[in-house]
């Protein structure tokens, strides 16, 4: 797949990390420039720079990071032509289908290529991925990306309607992945493509429960077993390194917060008092112009139970003088101590406020070798002729053999032999004592 060189070269695919929500892939082309909200960057400035480096803009005010492409980063940065699969679903599908280096897989519904890139890394050059796409333009675009990323040698992409025309494969693949609007129409073709000498696995990616029900019915009718459905939900956390604070530090922080709240409340009261005084003056001036002073609402007496606003001093500030708070600290002031600090540290995590929810339902099933051959009618016994290679294993006696052994009379020779064996097992002293008693 992508370049494995340590430094960036012309023509390489580079992932530019600007923010967690702003990730952009580019092909390094000397002579071009990238204009963004974080500055202007020349492609020629990236040539020769190590992957993972921090690149400053031309004016020195902004910066970005140039990262090496990976399937995870490509999933976040790729141009969306369709709804894509994210790493949580991809990793679970890869595990359940048993995909490993050298596996052969069918993917129906190439789309934007997110799943294809992850599977290509897993199977490696010794494996093979047969990918099918119904939309011709999307298929051509994905074929160009696969060739640019060095995947065209073991990823075979075809423009085909697999629901009508099938896969064109017979006993060739280890697993099948269906990302189609009607996956139940391709289950029969998937059964033909799976190898019959081992357990084959299938996964259907469906966003609606109605699709799942029809797919499960088709899987049961065609002999698939172990049908299960799963839904993957993630809960990411933001990790930071915080100092070990004492109870006294926490109390100081709380007092600081309360002081700032009180100061903000007093500023609001002061602002309201100024507005009241201004409106009262404007009302008096308007009344003098009309010849009769008007009594404004602001001059009305305070109602019973209401508190009057605090009086202002000549300087225009409130008479109350709260203690000055400590210098304002940002959200990460306490979370990241200075390098010279000797305070103890510990790792803390906080879940994201917004988390991606439901994507789709994953329906899994298995096709065991015994279910592949349906030529023998159900309930009919099959006689197997011995070949001579069977091992000579001891067989348990049947009930008839046991009854015959107990019911058949013993011959005289067998009786004497049995009596002699019993006598031989008795000690001589005990035998003499028994004879003397008689």
Protein backbone atom coordinates (compact mmCIF):
# COMPACT_ATOMS: atom_id res chain seq x y z
CA UNK A 1 0.00 0.00 0.00
CA UNK A 2 1.16 3.59 0.50
CA UNK A 3 4.79 4.71 0.54
CA UNK A 4 6.91 3.12 3.28
CA UNK A 5 9.69 5.71 3.02
CA UNK A 6 10.61 7.73 6.08
CA UNK A 7 10.41 11.07 4.27
CA UNK A 8 7.77 12.57 2.01
CA UNK A 9 8.48 12.54 -1.72
CA UNK A 10 6.75 14.07 -4.72
CA UNK A 11 3.67 12.06 -5.71
CA UNK A 12 3.08 10.60 -2.24
CA UNK A 13 -0.32 10.64 -0.57
CA UNK A 14 -0.13 12.64 2.67
CA UNK A 15 -2.80 13.16 5.33
CA UNK A 16 -2.82 16.76 6.59
CA UNK A 17 -4.11 16.93 10.16
CA UNK A 18 -5.42 20.41 10.93
CA UNK A 19 -7.94 19.67 13.69
CA UNK A 20 -9.80 16.62 14.91
CA UNK A 21 -12.67 17.51 12.59
CA UNK A 22 -10.56 18.86 9.69
CA UNK A 23 -8.41 16.15 8.06
CA UNK A 24 -7.52 16.41 4.38
CA UNK A 25 -5.63 14.06 2.02
CA UNK A 26 -3.42 15.48 -0.73
CA UNK A 27 -1.08 14.18 -3.41
CA UNK A 28 2.21 16.07 -3.05
CA UNK A 29 2.68 17.99 -6.31
CA UNK A 30 5.49 20.58 -6.39
CA UNK A 31 4.18 23.90 -7.64
CA UNK A 32 0.79 23.64 -5.94
CA UNK A 33 -0.33 25.39 -2.77
CA UNK A 34 -2.85 24.58 -0.08
CA UNK A 35 -4.93 27.54 1.07
CA UNK A 36 -6.84 26.96 4.29
CA UNK A 37 -8.05 28.64 7.42
CA UNK A 38 -4.69 27.95 9.05
CA UNK A 39 -2.54 29.56 6.39
CA UNK A 40 -0.94 28.87 3.02
CA UNK A 41 1.31 25.83 2.54
CA UNK A 42 3.42 24.96 -0.48
CA UNK A 43 3.59 21.35 -1.59
CA UNK A 44 7.28 21.78 -2.30
CA UNK A 45 7.85 22.53 1.40
CA UNK A 46 6.62 19.02 2.25
CA UNK A 47 9.16 17.22 0.04
CA UNK A 48 11.96 15.74 2.15
CA UNK A 49 10.14 16.28 5.45
CA UNK A 50 9.65 13.29 7.75
CA UNK A 51 6.15 11.92 8.20
CA UNK A 52 4.57 13.23 11.38
CA UNK A 53 6.36 16.59 11.22
CA UNK A 54 4.78 19.88 12.18
CA UNK A 55 4.63 22.23 9.19
CA UNK A 56 4.35 25.99 9.74
CA UNK A 57 2.48 28.26 7.35
CA UNK A 58 4.23 30.88 5.25
CA UNK A 59 3.29 33.71 7.61
CA UNK A 60 4.25 31.65 10.66
CA UNK A 61 0.88 32.00 12.39
CA UNK A 62 -0.61 28.59 11.65
CA UNK A 63 0.61 25.02 11.45
CA UNK A 64 -0.48 21.54 10.37
CA UNK A 65 0.86 18.00 10.76
CA UNK A 66 1.83 15.84 7.76
CA UNK A 67 0.93 12.20 8.58
CA UNK A 68 1.52 8.91 6.83
CA UNK A 69 -1.71 7.40 5.46
CA UNK A 70 -3.25 4.48 7.33
CA UNK A 71 -6.64 2.83 6.80
CA UNK A 72 -7.91 4.52 9.98
CA UNK A 73 -6.81 7.99 8.84
CA UNK A 74 -8.04 7.34 5.31
CA UNK A 75 -11.50 6.51 6.68
CA UNK A 76 -11.59 9.93 8.36
CA UNK A 77 -10.15 11.86 5.40
CA UNK A 78 -11.47 10.14 2.26
CA UNK A 79 -13.90 11.90 -0.09
CA UNK A 80 -17.37 10.55 0.68
CA UNK A 81 -19.10 9.16 -2.39
CA UNK A 82 -21.45 7.04 -0.26
CA UNK A 83 -22.11 6.30 3.39
CA UNK A 84 -18.95 4.63 4.70
CA UNK A 85 -18.00 2.09 7.35
CA UNK A 86 -16.00 3.35 10.31
CA UNK A 87 -13.28 1.56 12.21
CA UNK A 88 -15.55 0.27 15.00
CA UNK A 89 -17.64 -1.76 12.53
CA UNK A 90 -14.67 -2.68 10.33
CA UNK A 91 -12.63 -4.16 13.18
CA UNK A 92 -15.59 -6.18 14.48
CA UNK A 93 -16.38 -7.54 11.01
CA UNK A 94 -12.74 -8.46 10.43
CA UNK A 95 -12.62 -10.36 13.72
CA UNK A 96 -15.89 -12.22 13.25
CA UNK A 97 -15.20 -13.24 9.64
CA UNK A 98 -11.78 -14.56 10.65
CA UNK A 99 -9.93 -12.51 8.04
CA UNK A 100 -6.16 -12.92 8.21
CA UNK A 101 -3.14 -12.62 5.88
CA UNK A 102 -3.78 -14.73 2.80
CA UNK A 103 -7.57 -14.80 3.09
CA UNK A 104 -9.80 -14.53 0.03
CA UNK A 105 -12.82 -12.28 0.47
CA UNK A 106 -15.78 -10.93 -1.51
CA UNK A 107 -17.01 -7.37 -0.94
CA UNK A 108 -20.27 -6.36 -2.58
CA UNK A 109 -20.68 -2.58 -2.51
CA UNK A 110 -17.30 -0.87 -2.83
CA UNK A 111 -18.67 2.63 -2.21
CA UNK A 112 -15.99 5.05 -1.03
CA UNK A 113 -13.43 2.31 -0.34
CA UNK A 114 -13.18 2.62 3.44
CA UNK A 115 -13.72 -1.11 4.09
CA UNK A 116 -11.57 -2.06 1.10
CA UNK A 117 -8.47 -0.26 2.43
CA UNK A 118 -8.71 -1.90 5.86
CA UNK A 119 -9.21 -5.38 4.42
CA UNK A 120 -6.36 -4.88 1.94
CA UNK A 121 -3.99 -4.21 4.83
CA UNK A 122 -5.22 -7.31 6.68
CA UNK A 123 -5.02 -9.86 3.85
CA UNK A 124 -1.74 -8.49 2.47
CA UNK A 125 -0.21 -9.32 -0.92
CA UNK A 126 -0.83 -13.06 -0.41
CA UNK A 127 -4.59 -12.60 -0.14
CA UNK A 128 -7.20 -11.41 -2.59
CA UNK A 129 -10.21 -9.13 -2.37
CA UNK A 130 -12.96 -9.35 -4.99
CA UNK A 131 -14.84 -6.04 -4.81
CA UNK A 132 -18.05 -5.33 -6.77
CA UNK A 133 -19.72 -1.95 -7.36
CA UNK A 134 -23.03 -1.32 -9.14
CA UNK A 135 -22.42 2.39 -9.90
CA UNK A 136 -20.00 2.79 -12.82
CA UNK A 137 -18.60 6.21 -11.88
CA UNK A 138 -17.96 5.14 -8.30
CA UNK A 139 -16.29 1.98 -9.56
CA UNK A 140 -13.94 3.94 -11.84
CA UNK A 141 -13.05 6.39 -9.08
CA UNK A 142 -12.33 3.58 -6.62
CA UNK A 143 -10.21 1.78 -9.22
CA UNK A 144 -8.06 4.90 -9.62
CA UNK A 145 -7.59 5.19 -5.86
CA UNK A 146 -6.64 1.51 -5.53
CA UNK A 147 -4.01 1.89 -8.26
CA UNK A 148 -2.61 5.09 -6.70
CA UNK A 149 -2.36 3.43 -3.29
CA UNK A 150 -0.67 0.28 -4.60
CA UNK A 151 -3.60 -2.08 -3.99
CA UNK A 152 -4.48 -3.05 -7.55
CA UNK A 153 -2.30 -6.19 -7.48
CA UNK A 154 -4.46 -8.04 -4.94
CA UNK A 155 -7.74 -6.08 -5.07
CA UNK A 156 -9.92 -6.98 -8.07
CA UNK A 157 -12.67 -4.41 -8.68
CA UNK A 158 -15.55 -5.13 -11.07
CA UNK A 159 -18.53 -3.10 -12.19
CA UNK A 160 -21.39 -5.60 -11.78
CA UNK A 161 -24.92 -5.93 -10.43
CA UNK A 162 -24.37 -8.89 -8.14
CA UNK A 163 -28.05 -9.16 -7.18
CA UNK A 164 -28.92 -10.13 -10.78
CA UNK A 165 -25.66 -11.40 -12.27
CA UNK A 166 -24.03 -12.95 -9.20
CA UNK A 167 -20.33 -12.90 -8.38
CA UNK A 168 -19.14 -15.29 -11.06
CA UNK A 169 -17.15 -17.26 -8.45
CA UNK A 170 -17.43 -20.92 -7.46
CA UNK A 171 -15.84 -22.36 -4.29
CA UNK A 172 -13.12 -19.68 -4.19
CA UNK A 173 -13.56 -17.39 -1.16
CA UNK A 174 -13.35 -17.75 2.62
CA UNK A 175 -15.83 -15.03 3.56
CA UNK A 176 -18.40 -12.68 2.01
CA UNK A 177 -19.33 -9.14 3.04
CA UNK A 178 -22.54 -7.61 1.64
CA UNK A 179 -23.17 -3.86 1.87
CA UNK A 180 -26.20 -3.72 -0.43
CA UNK A 181 -29.72 -2.28 -0.31
CA UNK A 182 -31.13 -5.81 -0.80
CA UNK A 183 -28.51 -8.27 0.54
CA UNK A 184 -31.00 -11.17 0.59
CA UNK A 185 -30.91 -11.20 -3.21
CA UNK A 186 -27.17 -11.95 -3.19
CA UNK A 187 -27.12 -14.65 -0.49
CA UNK A 188 -27.49 -17.47 -3.03
CA UNK A 189 -24.52 -16.18 -5.05
CA UNK A 190 -22.54 -15.85 -1.84
CA UNK A 191 -23.19 -19.52 -1.03
CA UNK A 192 -21.84 -20.52 -4.43
CA UNK A 193 -18.70 -18.43 -3.97
CA UNK A 194 -17.83 -19.82 -0.52
CA UNK A 195 -15.44 -22.74 -0.24
CA UNK A 196 -17.15 -26.02 0.61
CA UNK A 197 -14.24 -27.75 2.37
CA UNK A 198 -14.27 -25.43 5.38
CA UNK A 199 -16.60 -23.20 7.37
CA UNK A 200 -17.60 -20.15 5.34
CA UNK A 201 -18.73 -16.92 6.94
CA UNK A 202 -20.94 -14.10 5.71
CA UNK A 203 -21.75 -10.62 7.04
CA UNK A 204 -24.53 -8.31 5.88
CA UNK A 205 -24.40 -4.58 6.68
CA UNK A 206 -27.96 -3.20 6.85
CA UNK A 207 -29.19 0.07 8.39
CA UNK A 208 -32.87 -0.98 8.70
CA UNK A 209 -34.46 -3.80 10.69
CA UNK A 210 -36.70 -4.74 7.75
CA UNK A 211 -33.58 -5.54 5.73
CA UNK A 212 -32.27 -7.69 8.56
CA UNK A 213 -35.49 -9.74 8.75
CA UNK A 214 -35.52 -10.53 5.03
CA UNK A 215 -31.81 -11.36 5.08
CA UNK A 216 -32.23 -13.74 8.02
CA UNK A 217 -35.05 -15.54 6.21
CA UNK A 218 -32.88 -15.99 3.12
CA UNK A 219 -29.96 -17.28 5.19
CA UNK A 220 -32.13 -19.87 6.95
CA UNK A 221 -33.65 -21.09 3.68
CA UNK A 222 -30.22 -21.62 2.10
CA UNK A 223 -28.79 -23.66 4.98
CA UNK A 224 -26.74 -21.08 6.87
CA UNK A 225 -26.42 -21.62 10.61
CA UNK A 226 -25.42 -19.55 13.63
CA UNK A 227 -27.33 -16.48 12.45
CA UNK A 228 -26.72 -13.57 14.82
CA UNK A 229 -27.07 -9.80 14.69
CA UNK A 230 -24.87 -7.23 16.40
CA UNK A 231 -24.68 -3.45 16.70
CA UNK A 232 -21.41 -1.68 17.54
CA UNK A 233 -21.53 1.52 19.59
CA UNK A 234 -18.43 3.39 20.74
CA UNK A 235 -17.86 5.85 23.57
CA UNK A 236 -14.61 7.76 23.00
CA UNK A 237 -12.85 9.51 25.86
CA UNK A 238 -10.54 12.50 25.92
CA UNK A 239 -7.38 11.65 27.88
CA UNK A 240 -5.27 14.28 29.65
CA UNK A 241 -2.46 14.37 32.20
CA UNK A 242 -3.57 16.20 35.36
CA UNK A 243 -1.61 17.10 38.50
CA UNK A 244 -2.32 15.48 41.83
CA UNK A 245 -4.27 18.18 43.69
CA UNK A 246 -4.83 18.37 47.44
CA UNK A 247 -8.08 19.16 49.23
CA UNK A 248 -6.78 22.65 49.99
CA UNK A 249 -6.16 23.34 46.29
CA UNK A 250 -9.69 22.21 45.46
CA UNK A 251 -11.13 24.47 48.17
CA UNK A 252 -9.18 27.46 46.84
CA UNK A 253 -10.48 26.75 43.34
CA UNK A 254 -14.08 26.61 44.59
CA UNK A 255 -13.70 29.89 46.50
CA UNK A 256 -12.26 31.47 43.38
CA UNK A 257 -15.28 30.35 41.37
CA UNK A 258 -17.72 31.68 43.96
CA UNK A 259 -15.89 35.04 44.07
CA UNK A 260 -16.13 35.40 40.32
CA UNK A 261 -19.83 34.60 40.43
CA UNK A 262 -20.42 37.29 43.05
CA UNK A 263 -18.39 39.82 41.11
CA UNK A 264 -20.39 39.09 37.96
CA UNK A 265 -23.65 39.52 39.88
CA UNK A 266 -22.57 42.89 41.28
CA UNK A 267 -21.58 44.10 37.83
CA UNK A 268 -25.04 43.22 36.58
CA UNK A 269 -26.63 45.16 39.45
CA UNK A 270 -24.42 48.15 38.74
CA UNK A 271 -25.34 48.10 35.07
CA UNK A 272 -29.05 47.95 35.94
CA UNK A 273 -28.65 50.93 38.30
CA UNK A 274 -26.99 53.01 35.59
CA UNK A 275 -29.78 52.19 33.14
CA UNK A 276 -32.37 53.17 35.74
CA UNK A 277 -30.69 56.53 36.41
CA UNK A 278 -30.37 57.28 32.70
CA UNK A 279 -34.05 56.57 32.05
CA UNK A 280 -35.07 58.73 35.03
CA UNK A 281 -33.06 61.69 33.70
CA UNK A 282 -34.51 61.26 30.20
CA UNK A 283 -38.03 61.19 31.65
CA UNK A 284 -37.49 64.41 33.63
CA UNK A 285 -36.17 66.24 30.59
CA UNK A 286 -39.15 65.12 28.51
CA UNK A 287 -41.56 66.34 31.21
CA UNK A 288 -39.93 69.77 31.46
CA UNK A 289 -40.29 70.24 27.70
CA UNK A 290 -44.05 69.56 27.90
CA UNK A 291 -44.52 71.95 30.87
CA UNK A 292 -45.58 69.27 33.38
CA UNK A 293 -43.08 66.89 34.90
CA UNK A 294 -43.94 63.23 34.38
CA UNK A 295 -43.53 60.53 36.89
CA UNK A 296 -41.86 57.59 35.24
CA UNK A 297 -42.18 53.98 36.28
CA UNK A 298 -38.57 53.97 37.34
CA UNK A 299 -39.36 56.65 39.93
CA UNK A 300 -42.16 54.69 41.52
CA UNK A 301 -41.73 53.72 45.11
CA UNK A 302 -40.36 50.39 46.00
CA UNK A 303 -43.09 47.86 46.58
CA UNK A 304 -43.34 46.07 49.90
CA UNK A 305 -41.08 43.05 50.05
CA UNK A 306 -38.70 44.39 47.35
CA UNK A 307 -35.15 45.41 48.09
CA UNK A 308 -33.85 48.68 46.81
CA UNK A 309 -30.76 48.70 44.64
CA UNK A 310 -27.51 49.61 46.36
CA UNK A 311 -26.52 53.26 46.16
CA UNK A 312 -23.62 54.27 43.99
CA UNK A 313 -20.70 56.20 45.39
CA UNK A 314 -19.49 59.39 43.63
CA UNK A 315 -17.00 57.40 41.57
CA UNK A 316 -19.85 55.37 40.01
CA UNK A 317 -18.96 52.02 41.59
CA UNK A 318 -20.78 49.98 44.19
CA UNK A 319 -20.10 50.48 47.84
CA UNK A 320 -19.55 46.74 48.36
CA UNK A 321 -15.96 45.77 47.79
CA UNK A 322 -15.57 41.99 47.40
CA UNK A 323 -12.10 40.51 47.71
CA UNK A 324 -10.29 40.40 44.37
CA UNK A 325 -10.29 36.92 42.82
CA UNK A 326 -7.20 35.11 41.73
CA UNK A 327 -5.98 35.44 38.14
CA UNK A 328 -8.33 33.71 35.77
CA UNK A 329 -7.24 30.23 34.80
CA UNK A 330 -8.13 28.47 31.61
CA UNK A 331 -9.65 25.00 31.36
CA UNK A 332 -6.22 23.35 31.05
CA UNK A 333 -4.31 25.44 33.59
CA UNK A 334 -4.71 22.85 36.32
CA UNK A 335 -4.78 19.91 33.94
CA UNK A 336 -1.27 20.44 32.52
CA UNK A 337 1.37 21.49 35.06
CA UNK A 338 4.59 23.15 34.00
CA UNK A 339 7.61 21.11 33.03
CA UNK A 340 9.49 22.28 36.14
CA UNK A 341 6.66 21.27 38.45
CA UNK A 342 7.37 18.36 40.77
CA UNK A 343 3.72 17.66 41.51
CA UNK A 344 2.45 14.15 41.11
CA UNK A 345 0.44 13.46 37.97
CA UNK A 346 -2.31 11.07 37.04
CA UNK A 347 -4.23 10.23 33.90
CA UNK A 348 -7.86 11.32 33.70
CA UNK A 349 -10.45 10.79 30.98
CA UNK A 350 -13.63 12.58 30.00
CA UNK A 351 -16.19 11.23 27.50
CA UNK A 352 -16.94 13.29 24.43
CA UNK A 353 -20.04 15.43 24.52
CA UNK A 354 -21.17 14.25 21.08
CA UNK A 355 -20.77 10.59 20.13
CA UNK A 356 -21.69 8.96 16.83
CA UNK A 357 -24.65 6.66 17.41
CA UNK A 358 -26.25 3.93 15.31
CA UNK A 359 -24.63 3.14 11.98
CA UNK A 360 -26.08 -0.20 10.88
CA UNK A 361 -26.91 -3.72 11.98
CA UNK A 362 -24.36 -6.47 11.37
CA UNK A 363 -25.92 -9.84 10.52
CA UNK A 364 -23.50 -12.80 10.67
CA UNK A 365 -23.97 -16.42 9.63
CA UNK A 366 -21.90 -19.54 8.95
CA UNK A 367 -22.02 -22.17 6.22
CA UNK A 368 -20.64 -25.44 7.54
CA UNK A 369 -19.49 -28.14 5.09
CA UNK A 370 -22.32 -30.54 6.08
CA UNK A 371 -24.87 -27.93 4.97
CA UNK A 372 -23.28 -27.45 1.58
CA UNK A 373 -24.41 -30.77 0.06
CA UNK A 374 -28.20 -30.85 -0.11
CA UNK A 375 -28.52 -33.67 -2.65
CA UNK A 376 -29.40 -36.29 0.02
CA UNK A 377 -33.05 -36.10 1.18
CA UNK A 378 -33.55 -35.21 4.82
CA UNK A 379 -34.22 -38.14 7.19
CA UNK A 380 -32.70 -40.83 4.92
CA UNK A 381 -29.94 -43.04 6.31
CA UNK A 382 -26.77 -43.40 4.30
CA UNK A 383 -24.85 -46.69 4.35
CA UNK A 384 -21.10 -46.29 4.43
CA UNK A 385 -19.05 -49.23 3.19
CA UNK A 386 -15.83 -49.98 5.04
CA UNK A 387 -12.67 -49.11 3.15
CA UNK A 388 -10.23 -51.16 5.23
CA UNK A 389 -8.40 -48.12 6.56
CA UNK A 390 -10.54 -47.74 9.67
CA UNK A 391 -8.67 -48.14 13.00
CA UNK A 392 -9.48 -51.19 15.16
CA UNK A 393 -11.20 -49.46 18.03
CA UNK A 394 -12.68 -51.43 20.97
CA UNK A 395 -16.44 -51.64 20.79
CA UNK A 396 -18.79 -51.54 23.75
CA UNK A 397 -20.91 -54.67 24.25
CA UNK A 398 -24.53 -54.39 23.28
CA UNK A 399 -27.49 -55.25 25.50
CA UNK A 400 -28.19 -58.49 23.63
CA UNK A 401 -24.59 -59.65 24.10
CA UNK A 402 -24.79 -59.01 27.85
CA UNK A 403 -28.09 -60.91 28.23
CA UNK A 404 -26.81 -63.84 26.22
CA UNK A 405 -23.68 -64.01 28.36
CA UNK A 406 -25.73 -64.25 31.59
CA UNK A 407 -28.44 -66.63 30.29
CA UNK A 408 -26.22 -69.23 28.59
CA UNK A 409 -25.25 -72.23 30.87
CA UNK A 410 -21.57 -72.70 31.66
CA UNK A 411 -19.75 -75.79 30.41
CA UNK A 412 -18.14 -78.17 32.99
CA UNK A 413 -14.67 -77.10 31.98
CA UNK A 414 -15.60 -73.46 32.43
CA UNK A 415 -17.11 -74.24 35.88
CA UNK A 416 -13.97 -76.02 37.17
CA UNK A 417 -11.73 -73.27 35.89
CA UNK A 418 -13.80 -70.68 37.67
CA UNK A 419 -13.74 -72.70 40.93
CA UNK A 420 -9.98 -73.18 40.77
CA UNK A 421 -9.45 -69.46 40.31
CA UNK A 422 -11.55 -68.74 43.40
CA UNK A 423 -9.66 -71.29 45.52
CA UNK A 424 -6.31 -69.93 44.39
CA UNK A 425 -7.26 -66.49 45.65
CA UNK A 426 -7.87 -67.70 49.26
CA UNK A 427 -4.84 -67.68 51.63
CA UNK A 428 -3.64 -71.12 52.89
CA UNK A 429 -4.20 -70.30 56.58
CA UNK A 430 -7.76 -69.22 55.92
CA UNK A 431 -8.39 -72.31 53.82
CA UNK A 432 -7.08 -74.66 56.60
CA UNK A 433 -9.24 -72.92 59.19
CA UNK A 434 -12.33 -73.38 57.02
CA UNK A 435 -11.56 -77.11 56.56
CA UNK A 436 -10.98 -77.65 60.32
CA UNK A 437 -14.31 -76.01 61.15
CA UNK A 438 -16.09 -78.45 58.93
